[in-house]
Amino acid sequence: MGRYRIILGAAYLLWLYQRVMFGPVTNPANEHLPDLNAREYATLLPLIILCFLDRHLSEAAVRVLERPVQLIVEQVNPGYYGAERAAAPE
């Protein structure tokens, strides 16, 4: 029963999205509205750039934080990384 709810929910959301985003403009006051103004572009473009850079920045952050996290784990659970290496198949 649960998977049918998911399928019906997805179908409903796609139908709703299509009607809202691609449906006809019914209010005459909204017919000549621009899509985005300059302020909205200035807000949106940095967010888009950050989305594309996210993968590279997150990999760099993981590399920077890897050693301090390892030191904290060793303080809390001594020998954790040694046991992890011993259990790994070669």
N, C-alpha and C. Protein backbone atom coordinates (compact mmCIF):
# COMPACT_ATOMS: atom_id res chain seq x y z
N MET A 1 0.82 -1.20 0.00
CA MET A 1 0.00 0.00 0.00
C MET A 1 0.86 1.26 0.00
N GLY A 2 2.01 1.20 0.69
CA GLY A 2 2.87 2.38 0.80
C GLY A 2 3.45 2.82 -0.52
N ARG A 3 3.83 1.85 -1.38
CA ARG A 3 4.44 2.23 -2.66
C ARG A 3 3.42 2.88 -3.59
N TYR A 4 2.16 2.49 -3.47
CA TYR A 4 1.12 3.11 -4.29
C TYR A 4 0.92 4.57 -3.89
N ARG A 5 1.05 4.86 -2.61
CA ARG A 5 0.95 6.26 -2.17
C ARG A 5 2.08 7.09 -2.76
N ILE A 6 3.26 6.51 -2.80
CA ILE A 6 4.41 7.23 -3.36
C ILE A 6 4.19 7.49 -4.84
N ILE A 7 3.72 6.48 -5.57
CA ILE A 7 3.49 6.63 -7.00
C ILE A 7 2.39 7.66 -7.26
N LEU A 8 1.29 7.57 -6.51
CA LEU A 8 0.20 8.52 -6.68
C LEU A 8 0.64 9.93 -6.28
N GLY A 9 1.42 10.04 -5.20
CA GLY A 9 1.92 11.34 -4.78
C GLY A 9 2.82 11.97 -5.84
N ALA A 10 3.70 11.16 -6.43
CA ALA A 10 4.59 11.68 -7.48
C ALA A 10 3.79 12.10 -8.70
N ALA A 11 2.81 11.30 -9.08
CA ALA A 11 1.98 11.65 -10.24
C ALA A 11 1.22 12.95 -9.97
N TYR A 12 0.68 13.08 -8.77
CA TYR A 12 -0.05 14.31 -8.44
C TYR A 12 0.87 15.52 -8.46
N LEU A 13 2.08 15.39 -7.90
CA LEU A 13 3.00 16.52 -7.87
C LEU A 13 3.45 16.92 -9.28
N LEU A 14 3.67 15.93 -10.15
CA LEU A 14 4.03 16.27 -11.53
C LEU A 14 2.88 16.97 -12.25
N TRP A 15 1.65 16.50 -12.03
CA TRP A 15 0.48 17.14 -12.63
C TRP A 15 0.32 18.56 -12.12
N LEU A 16 0.51 18.74 -10.80
CA LEU A 16 0.40 20.06 -10.19
C LEU A 16 1.49 21.00 -10.72
N TYR A 17 2.72 20.51 -10.80
CA TYR A 17 3.83 21.32 -11.31
C TYR A 17 3.55 21.76 -12.75
N GLN A 18 3.06 20.85 -13.57
CA GLN A 18 2.76 21.18 -14.96
C GLN A 18 1.70 22.28 -15.04
N ARG A 19 0.66 22.18 -14.23
CA ARG A 19 -0.41 23.17 -14.27
C ARG A 19 0.07 24.53 -13.77
N VAL A 20 0.90 24.54 -12.72
CA VAL A 20 1.35 25.80 -12.14
C VAL A 20 2.40 26.47 -13.02
N MET A 21 3.37 25.71 -13.49
CA MET A 21 4.48 26.31 -14.23
C MET A 21 4.20 26.51 -15.71
N PHE A 22 3.43 25.63 -16.32
CA PHE A 22 3.24 25.69 -17.76
C PHE A 22 1.80 25.95 -18.17
N GLY A 23 0.95 26.19 -17.20
CA GLY A 23 -0.44 26.44 -17.51
C GLY A 23 -0.65 27.86 -18.04
N PRO A 24 -1.84 28.15 -18.51
CA PRO A 24 -2.12 29.49 -19.05
C PRO A 24 -2.20 30.53 -17.94
N VAL A 25 -1.89 31.76 -18.28
CA VAL A 25 -2.01 32.87 -17.34
C VAL A 25 -3.48 33.29 -17.33
N THR A 26 -4.11 33.15 -16.15
CA THR A 26 -5.54 33.45 -16.08
C THR A 26 -5.84 34.85 -15.57
N ASN A 27 -4.87 35.49 -14.93
CA ASN A 27 -5.06 36.84 -14.41
C ASN A 27 -4.45 37.84 -15.39
N PRO A 28 -5.22 38.74 -15.96
CA PRO A 28 -4.68 39.69 -16.94
C PRO A 28 -3.58 40.59 -16.36
N ALA A 29 -3.59 40.82 -15.07
CA ALA A 29 -2.56 41.67 -14.46
C ALA A 29 -1.19 40.99 -14.51
N ASN A 30 -1.15 39.68 -14.66
CA ASN A 30 0.12 38.95 -14.66
C ASN A 30 0.66 38.67 -16.06
N GLU A 31 -0.02 39.10 -17.08
CA GLU A 31 0.39 38.76 -18.44
C GLU A 31 1.71 39.39 -18.86
N HIS A 32 2.06 40.54 -18.33
CA HIS A 32 3.26 41.24 -18.79
C HIS A 32 4.36 41.26 -17.72
N LEU A 33 4.31 40.36 -16.77
CA LEU A 33 5.36 40.29 -15.75
C LEU A 33 6.61 39.65 -16.33
N PRO A 34 7.78 40.23 -16.06
CA PRO A 34 9.02 39.59 -16.52
C PRO A 34 9.32 38.36 -15.67
N ASP A 35 10.12 37.47 -16.21
CA ASP A 35 10.47 36.27 -15.46
C ASP A 35 11.32 36.61 -14.23
N LEU A 36 12.45 37.26 -14.45
CA LEU A 36 13.34 37.66 -13.35
C LEU A 36 13.83 39.07 -13.59
N ASN A 37 14.01 39.82 -12.49
CA ASN A 37 14.60 41.14 -12.64
C ASN A 37 16.09 41.04 -12.28
N ALA A 38 16.81 42.16 -12.37
CA ALA A 38 18.26 42.15 -12.15
C ALA A 38 18.63 41.71 -10.74
N ARG A 39 17.87 42.12 -9.74
CA ARG A 39 18.17 41.73 -8.37
C ARG A 39 18.01 40.22 -8.18
N GLU A 40 17.01 39.66 -8.81
CA GLU A 40 16.80 38.21 -8.70
C GLU A 40 17.90 37.43 -9.41
N TYR A 41 18.35 37.94 -10.57
CA TYR A 41 19.50 37.31 -11.24
C TYR A 41 20.75 37.40 -10.39
N ALA A 42 20.95 38.55 -9.74
CA ALA A 42 22.14 38.73 -8.88
C ALA A 42 22.10 37.79 -7.69
N THR A 43 20.94 37.40 -7.25
CA THR A 43 20.82 36.44 -6.16
C THR A 43 20.95 35.01 -6.66
N LEU A 44 20.40 34.73 -7.82
CA LEU A 44 20.35 33.37 -8.34
C LEU A 44 21.69 32.89 -8.90
N LEU A 45 22.40 33.74 -9.61
CA LEU A 45 23.64 33.31 -10.26
C LEU A 45 24.70 32.82 -9.28
N PRO A 46 24.97 33.52 -8.16
CA PRO A 46 25.94 32.96 -7.22
C PRO A 46 25.51 31.62 -6.64
N LEU A 47 24.22 31.43 -6.44
CA LEU A 47 23.73 30.14 -5.94
C LEU A 47 23.96 29.02 -6.95
N ILE A 48 23.75 29.32 -8.22
CA ILE A 48 24.00 28.32 -9.26
C ILE A 48 25.48 27.97 -9.32
N ILE A 49 26.33 28.98 -9.24
CA ILE A 49 27.78 28.75 -9.26
C ILE A 49 28.20 27.91 -8.06
N LEU A 50 27.66 28.21 -6.89
CA LEU A 50 27.99 27.42 -5.70
C LEU A 50 27.51 25.98 -5.82
N CYS A 51 26.40 25.77 -6.47
CA CYS A 51 25.92 24.39 -6.69
C CYS A 51 26.90 23.60 -7.54
N PHE A 52 27.45 24.24 -8.58
CA PHE A 52 28.41 23.54 -9.42
C PHE A 52 29.74 23.33 -8.71
N LEU A 53 30.12 24.26 -7.85
CA LEU A 53 31.38 24.14 -7.13
C LEU A 53 31.27 23.28 -5.88
N ASP A 54 30.07 22.94 -5.49
CA ASP A 54 29.85 22.22 -4.24
C ASP A 54 30.65 20.93 -4.16
N ARG A 55 30.67 20.18 -5.23
CA ARG A 55 31.36 18.89 -5.19
C ARG A 55 32.85 19.09 -4.95
N HIS A 56 33.44 20.02 -5.65
CA HIS A 56 34.87 20.25 -5.50
C HIS A 56 35.20 20.86 -4.13
N LEU A 57 34.36 21.78 -3.67
CA LEU A 57 34.61 22.39 -2.37
C LEU A 57 34.42 21.39 -1.25
N SER A 58 33.43 20.49 -1.36
CA SER A 58 33.21 19.52 -0.30
C SER A 58 34.34 18.50 -0.24
N GLU A 59 34.88 18.11 -1.40
CA GLU A 59 36.02 17.20 -1.39
C GLU A 59 37.23 17.86 -0.73
N ALA A 60 37.45 19.13 -1.00
CA ALA A 60 38.57 19.84 -0.38
C ALA A 60 38.34 19.97 1.13
N ALA A 61 37.10 20.23 1.55
CA ALA A 61 36.81 20.35 2.98
C ALA A 61 37.02 19.02 3.68
N VAL A 62 36.67 17.92 3.03
CA VAL A 62 36.87 16.60 3.64
C VAL A 62 38.37 16.33 3.80
N ARG A 63 39.15 16.68 2.81
CA ARG A 63 40.60 16.48 2.92
C ARG A 63 41.20 17.32 4.04
N VAL A 64 40.71 18.55 4.20
CA VAL A 64 41.23 19.42 5.26
C VAL A 64 40.83 18.90 6.63
N LEU A 65 39.61 18.39 6.77
CA LEU A 65 39.09 17.96 8.07
C LEU A 65 39.42 16.52 8.42
N GLU A 66 39.97 15.76 7.49
CA GLU A 66 40.21 14.34 7.74
C GLU A 66 41.16 14.09 8.90
N ARG A 67 42.26 14.79 8.94
CA ARG A 67 43.26 14.58 10.02
C ARG A 67 42.73 15.01 11.39
N PRO A 68 42.11 16.21 11.56
CA PRO A 68 41.58 16.54 12.88
C PRO A 68 40.50 15.56 13.35
N VAL A 69 39.67 15.08 12.45
CA VAL A 69 38.66 14.10 12.85
C VAL A 69 39.33 12.80 13.28
N GLN A 70 40.36 12.40 12.58
CA GLN A 70 41.08 11.19 12.95
C GLN A 70 41.70 11.33 14.34
N LEU A 71 42.25 12.50 14.65
CA LEU A 71 42.83 12.72 15.98
C LEU A 71 41.76 12.66 17.07
N ILE A 72 40.59 13.22 16.82
CA ILE A 72 39.50 13.18 17.80
C ILE A 72 39.03 11.75 18.01
N VAL A 73 38.89 10.99 16.92
CA VAL A 73 38.44 9.60 17.04
C VAL A 73 39.47 8.79 17.81
N GLU A 74 40.74 9.04 17.58
CA GLU A 74 41.78 8.31 18.31
C GLU A 74 41.77 8.64 19.81
N GLN A 75 41.39 9.87 20.15
CA GLN A 75 41.29 10.22 21.57
C GLN A 75 40.11 9.53 22.23
N VAL A 76 39.00 9.47 21.52
CA VAL A 76 37.79 8.87 22.07
C VAL A 76 37.87 7.35 22.05
N ASN A 77 38.40 6.78 20.97
CA ASN A 77 38.44 5.34 20.79
C ASN A 77 39.84 4.95 20.31
N PRO A 78 40.81 4.82 21.22
CA PRO A 78 42.19 4.51 20.81
C PRO A 78 42.25 3.19 20.04
N GLY A 79 43.03 3.17 19.00
CA GLY A 79 43.20 1.97 18.20
C GLY A 79 42.13 1.74 17.17
N TYR A 80 41.20 2.69 17.01
CA TYR A 80 40.09 2.51 16.07
C TYR A 80 40.60 2.34 14.65
N TYR A 81 41.50 3.20 14.21
CA TYR A 81 41.97 3.13 12.83
C TYR A 81 42.88 1.93 12.63
N GLY A 82 43.61 1.52 13.65
CA GLY A 82 44.43 0.30 13.53
C GLY A 82 43.57 -0.93 13.39
N ALA A 83 42.47 -1.00 14.15
CA ALA A 83 41.56 -2.15 14.06
C ALA A 83 40.85 -2.15 12.71
N GLU A 84 40.56 -0.97 12.20
CA GLU A 84 39.89 -0.87 10.91
C GLU A 84 40.79 -1.38 9.80
N ARG A 85 42.07 -1.05 9.86
CA ARG A 85 43.01 -1.51 8.84
C ARG A 85 43.25 -3.01 8.95
N ALA A 86 43.29 -3.55 10.17
CA ALA A 86 43.52 -4.98 10.37
C ALA A 86 42.33 -5.80 9.86
N ALA A 87 41.13 -5.26 9.95
CA ALA A 87 39.94 -5.99 9.52
C ALA A 87 39.71 -5.90 8.02
N ALA A 88 40.34 -4.94 7.35
CA ALA A 88 40.13 -4.76 5.92
C ALA A 88 40.84 -5.87 5.14
N PRO A 89 40.13 -6.50 4.20
CA PRO A 89 40.78 -7.55 3.38
C PRO A 89 41.73 -6.92 2.38
N GLU A 90 42.81 -7.61 2.13
CA GLU A 90 43.81 -7.09 1.18
C GLU A 90 43.85 -7.91 -0.07
